[in-house]
Amino acid sequence: MSLVVLLGGTFDPIHLGHLILAQEVLDKAEADRILFVPAGVPPHKIGAPVSEARHRLEMVKMAIAGNPQFKVSEVEIRRNGPSFTIDTLHAIRSGLKDSDELGLIVGADQVVEFETWKDYRTIATKFRLFLTTRAGLPEPDREKHPYLRNAVLVPIPSIEISSTDIRERVRQGRGIQYLVPREVSRYIREERLYL
């Protein structure tokens, strides 16, 4: 039996904070692998400018290349229309062995909107949730959010890096070399992303 934990996101771009979070969950959850799932059409960002999926996928591949326990799935990018987490979980579950367990990372900042996700009750009961907590953010109230009662809390070091800030830095011509892996920084520069 192995434990596969899904980390979904827009990854526009993927940055060191994502990688640190993934490694912390991998270690603390004793997972066998973290599966990065770049969103195709993020339902919560419909209408917002998002880089082409091919660029975001390529940056994820570059960022995780050095870690054999980090893998990437193109399931959402290949899907037409909005990418809902429940559909992704079912698609990935169908490709695993019956004995394998599938988990999902839910960021502390996502807790407030989790109940708006499609079939969130199914997600909470059929899949293992790993709830990341950060310094400065209150720990989720399990009484207020009963679906989190069985979630595993994973404290994450407070790393103040955001994709929004990275995109803005690129627009302003400021450096990003210590915020993203070197290969990702080079790719952003060569493809002229975020200008």
Protein backbone atom coordinates (compact mmCIF):
# COMPACT_ATOMS: atom_id res chain seq x y z
CA MET A 1 0.00 0.00 0.00
CA SER A 2 1.26 3.46 -0.84
CA LEU A 3 0.00 6.94 -0.01
CA VAL A 4 -0.25 9.42 -2.88
CA VAL A 5 -1.05 13.01 -1.92
CA LEU A 6 -2.36 15.46 -4.47
CA LEU A 7 -1.25 19.11 -4.52
CA GLY A 8 -3.37 21.08 -6.93
CA GLY A 9 -2.91 24.68 -7.94
CA THR A 10 -2.65 27.17 -10.73
CA PHE A 11 1.16 27.25 -10.33
CA ASP A 12 1.45 30.54 -12.22
CA PRO A 13 4.34 30.22 -11.53
CA ILE A 14 5.30 27.38 -9.20
CA HIS A 15 7.66 28.71 -6.53
CA LEU A 16 9.82 27.54 -3.65
CA GLY A 17 6.93 27.89 -1.18
CA HIS A 18 5.00 25.21 -3.11
CA LEU A 19 8.02 22.90 -3.04
CA ILE A 20 8.65 23.41 0.67
CA LEU A 21 4.98 22.72 1.43
CA ALA A 22 5.08 19.54 -0.66
CA GLN A 23 8.23 18.30 1.07
CA GLU A 24 6.79 19.00 4.53
CA VAL A 25 3.64 17.01 3.74
CA LEU A 26 5.70 14.22 2.17
CA ASP A 27 7.81 13.92 5.32
CA LYS A 28 5.17 14.47 8.00
CA ALA A 29 2.47 12.37 6.33
CA GLU A 30 5.00 9.65 5.46
CA ALA A 31 3.61 9.76 1.93
CA ASP A 32 5.17 7.84 -0.92
CA ARG A 33 4.74 10.63 -3.43
CA ILE A 34 3.28 14.07 -3.97
CA LEU A 35 1.36 14.49 -7.20
CA PHE A 36 1.39 18.06 -8.51
CA VAL A 37 -1.75 18.80 -10.53
CA PRO A 38 -1.67 22.09 -12.46
CA ALA A 39 -5.21 23.37 -13.02
CA GLY A 40 -6.51 23.49 -16.57
CA VAL A 41 -9.29 26.04 -16.16
CA PRO A 42 -9.32 26.96 -12.45
CA PRO A 43 -13.03 27.37 -11.50
CA HIS A 44 -12.19 30.09 -8.95
CA LYS A 45 -10.20 32.07 -11.54
CA ILE A 46 -12.56 32.01 -14.52
CA GLY A 47 -12.22 35.38 -16.24
CA ALA A 48 -8.93 36.17 -14.51
CA PRO A 49 -5.74 36.23 -16.59
CA VAL A 50 -3.91 32.92 -16.25
CA SER A 51 -0.86 31.81 -18.24
CA GLU A 52 -1.33 29.10 -20.83
CA ALA A 53 -1.49 25.63 -19.32
CA ARG A 54 1.52 24.46 -21.36
CA HIS A 55 3.75 27.06 -19.68
CA ARG A 56 2.51 26.27 -16.18
CA LEU A 57 2.94 22.53 -16.77
CA GLU A 58 6.47 22.99 -18.09
CA MET A 59 7.46 25.09 -15.07
CA VAL A 60 6.11 22.42 -12.69
CA LYS A 61 8.06 19.71 -14.52
CA MET A 62 11.26 21.76 -14.25
CA ALA A 63 10.70 22.57 -10.58
CA ILE A 64 10.18 18.96 -9.44
CA ALA A 65 12.70 17.25 -11.75
CA GLY A 66 15.23 16.66 -8.97
CA ASN A 67 12.88 14.85 -6.57
CA PRO A 68 11.84 11.29 -7.51
CA GLN A 69 8.95 11.44 -5.00
CA PHE A 70 7.44 14.45 -6.78
CA LYS A 71 5.38 13.66 -9.88
CA VAL A 72 3.09 15.69 -12.12
CA SER A 73 -0.34 14.85 -13.52
CA GLU A 74 -1.79 16.45 -16.65
CA VAL A 75 -5.32 15.22 -15.87
CA GLU A 76 -6.77 18.72 -15.36
CA ILE A 77 -4.91 20.29 -18.26
CA ARG A 78 -6.25 17.62 -20.63
CA ARG A 79 -9.81 18.07 -19.37
CA ASN A 80 -12.10 20.50 -21.19
CA GLY A 81 -13.87 23.09 -19.08
CA PRO A 82 -13.40 23.95 -15.41
CA SER A 83 -11.32 21.61 -13.26
CA PHE A 84 -13.17 20.50 -10.15
CA THR A 85 -11.16 18.77 -7.42
CA ILE A 86 -13.68 15.95 -6.98
CA ASP A 87 -13.42 14.99 -10.68
CA THR A 88 -9.63 15.07 -10.47
CA LEU A 89 -9.57 12.89 -7.37
CA HIS A 90 -11.84 10.30 -9.02
CA ALA A 91 -9.71 10.31 -12.20
CA ILE A 92 -6.47 9.82 -10.28
CA ARG A 93 -8.03 7.24 -7.94
CA SER A 94 -9.02 5.14 -10.97
CA GLY A 95 -5.36 4.94 -12.00
CA LEU A 96 -4.11 3.68 -8.64
CA LYS A 97 -4.04 0.19 -7.14
CA ASP A 98 -6.97 -0.74 -4.90
CA SER A 99 -4.60 -0.88 -1.94
CA ASP A 100 -3.26 2.64 -2.54
CA GLU A 101 -4.58 5.56 -0.53
CA LEU A 102 -5.19 8.99 -2.07
CA GLY A 103 -4.92 12.20 -0.10
CA LEU A 104 -5.36 15.88 -0.81
CA ILE A 105 -3.50 18.90 0.51
CA VAL A 106 -5.82 21.71 1.59
CA GLY A 107 -4.11 24.99 2.45
CA ALA A 108 -5.11 26.86 5.59
CA ASP A 109 -6.20 29.75 3.36
CA GLN A 110 -8.56 27.41 1.45
CA VAL A 111 -10.53 26.30 4.51
CA VAL A 112 -12.88 29.29 4.38
CA GLU A 113 -13.96 28.44 0.84
CA PHE A 114 -13.76 24.64 1.06
CA GLU A 115 -17.52 24.33 1.59
CA THR A 116 -18.06 26.02 -1.80
CA TRP A 117 -16.13 23.27 -3.61
CA LYS A 118 -18.13 20.83 -5.69
CA ASP A 119 -18.99 17.72 -3.59
CA TYR A 120 -16.80 18.88 -0.70
CA ARG A 121 -18.46 16.37 1.68
CA THR A 122 -17.42 13.50 -0.59
CA ILE A 123 -13.88 14.89 -0.74
CA ALA A 124 -13.75 15.07 3.06
CA THR A 125 -15.11 11.55 3.64
CA LYS A 126 -13.59 9.48 0.82
CA PHE A 127 -10.11 10.98 0.67
CA ARG A 128 -7.51 11.73 3.31
CA LEU A 129 -7.17 15.49 3.88
CA PHE A 130 -3.86 17.05 4.85
CA LEU A 131 -4.52 20.51 6.18
CA THR A 132 -1.50 22.77 6.11
CA THR A 133 -1.27 25.40 8.81
CA ARG A 134 1.02 28.41 8.92
CA ALA A 135 2.21 30.77 11.61
CA GLY A 136 0.01 33.84 11.69
CA LEU A 137 -3.08 32.00 10.49
CA PRO A 138 -5.42 30.56 13.12
CA GLU A 139 -5.77 26.81 13.23
CA PRO A 140 -9.10 25.84 11.63
CA ASP A 141 -11.95 25.35 14.07
CA ARG A 142 -12.94 21.70 13.75
CA GLU A 143 -16.25 22.34 15.51
CA LYS A 144 -17.15 25.06 13.03
CA HIS A 145 -15.90 22.94 10.12
CA PRO A 146 -16.91 19.35 11.04
CA TYR A 147 -15.61 17.97 7.73
CA LEU A 148 -12.10 18.72 9.01
CA ARG A 149 -12.40 16.46 12.07
CA ASN A 150 -10.37 13.69 10.43
CA ALA A 151 -7.96 15.97 8.58
CA VAL A 152 -4.29 15.61 9.43
CA LEU A 153 -2.75 18.95 10.44
CA VAL A 154 0.65 19.63 8.90
CA PRO A 155 2.43 22.77 10.18
CA ILE A 156 4.34 24.52 7.40
CA PRO A 157 7.17 27.01 7.92
CA SER A 158 5.96 30.52 7.16
CA ILE A 159 7.39 31.32 3.72
CA GLU A 160 6.05 34.60 2.38
CA ILE A 161 6.26 33.86 -1.34
CA SER A 162 3.32 34.26 -3.69
CA SER A 163 2.83 33.72 -7.39
CA THR A 164 1.06 37.09 -7.57
CA ASP A 165 4.11 38.85 -6.14
CA ILE A 166 6.44 36.98 -8.51
CA ARG A 167 4.38 38.02 -11.55
CA GLU A 168 4.44 41.63 -10.35
CA ARG A 169 8.20 41.52 -9.80
CA VAL A 170 8.71 40.27 -13.37
CA ARG A 171 6.49 43.10 -14.71
CA GLN A 172 8.60 45.61 -12.77
CA GLY A 173 11.90 44.09 -13.93
CA ARG A 174 12.85 42.99 -10.41
CA GLY A 175 14.70 39.75 -9.60
CA ILE A 176 12.95 36.47 -8.75
CA GLN A 177 15.96 34.14 -8.64
CA TYR A 178 15.58 33.33 -4.93
CA LEU A 179 11.81 32.78 -5.12
CA VAL A 180 11.60 30.13 -7.85
CA PRO A 181 13.95 27.33 -8.95
CA ARG A 182 16.70 28.52 -11.33
CA GLU A 183 15.23 26.64 -14.30
CA VAL A 184 11.82 28.26 -13.74
CA SER A 185 13.38 31.72 -13.56
CA ARG A 186 15.18 31.08 -16.84
CA TYR A 187 12.01 29.75 -18.48
CA ILE A 188 10.01 32.83 -17.42
CA ARG A 189 12.71 35.05 -18.88
CA GLU A 190 13.07 33.11 -22.14
CA GLU A 191 9.31 32.82 -22.73
CA ARG A 192 8.76 36.43 -21.70
CA LEU A 193 6.02 35.48 -19.28
CA TYR A 194 4.28 38.06 -17.08
CA LEU A 195 5.47 41.09 -19.04
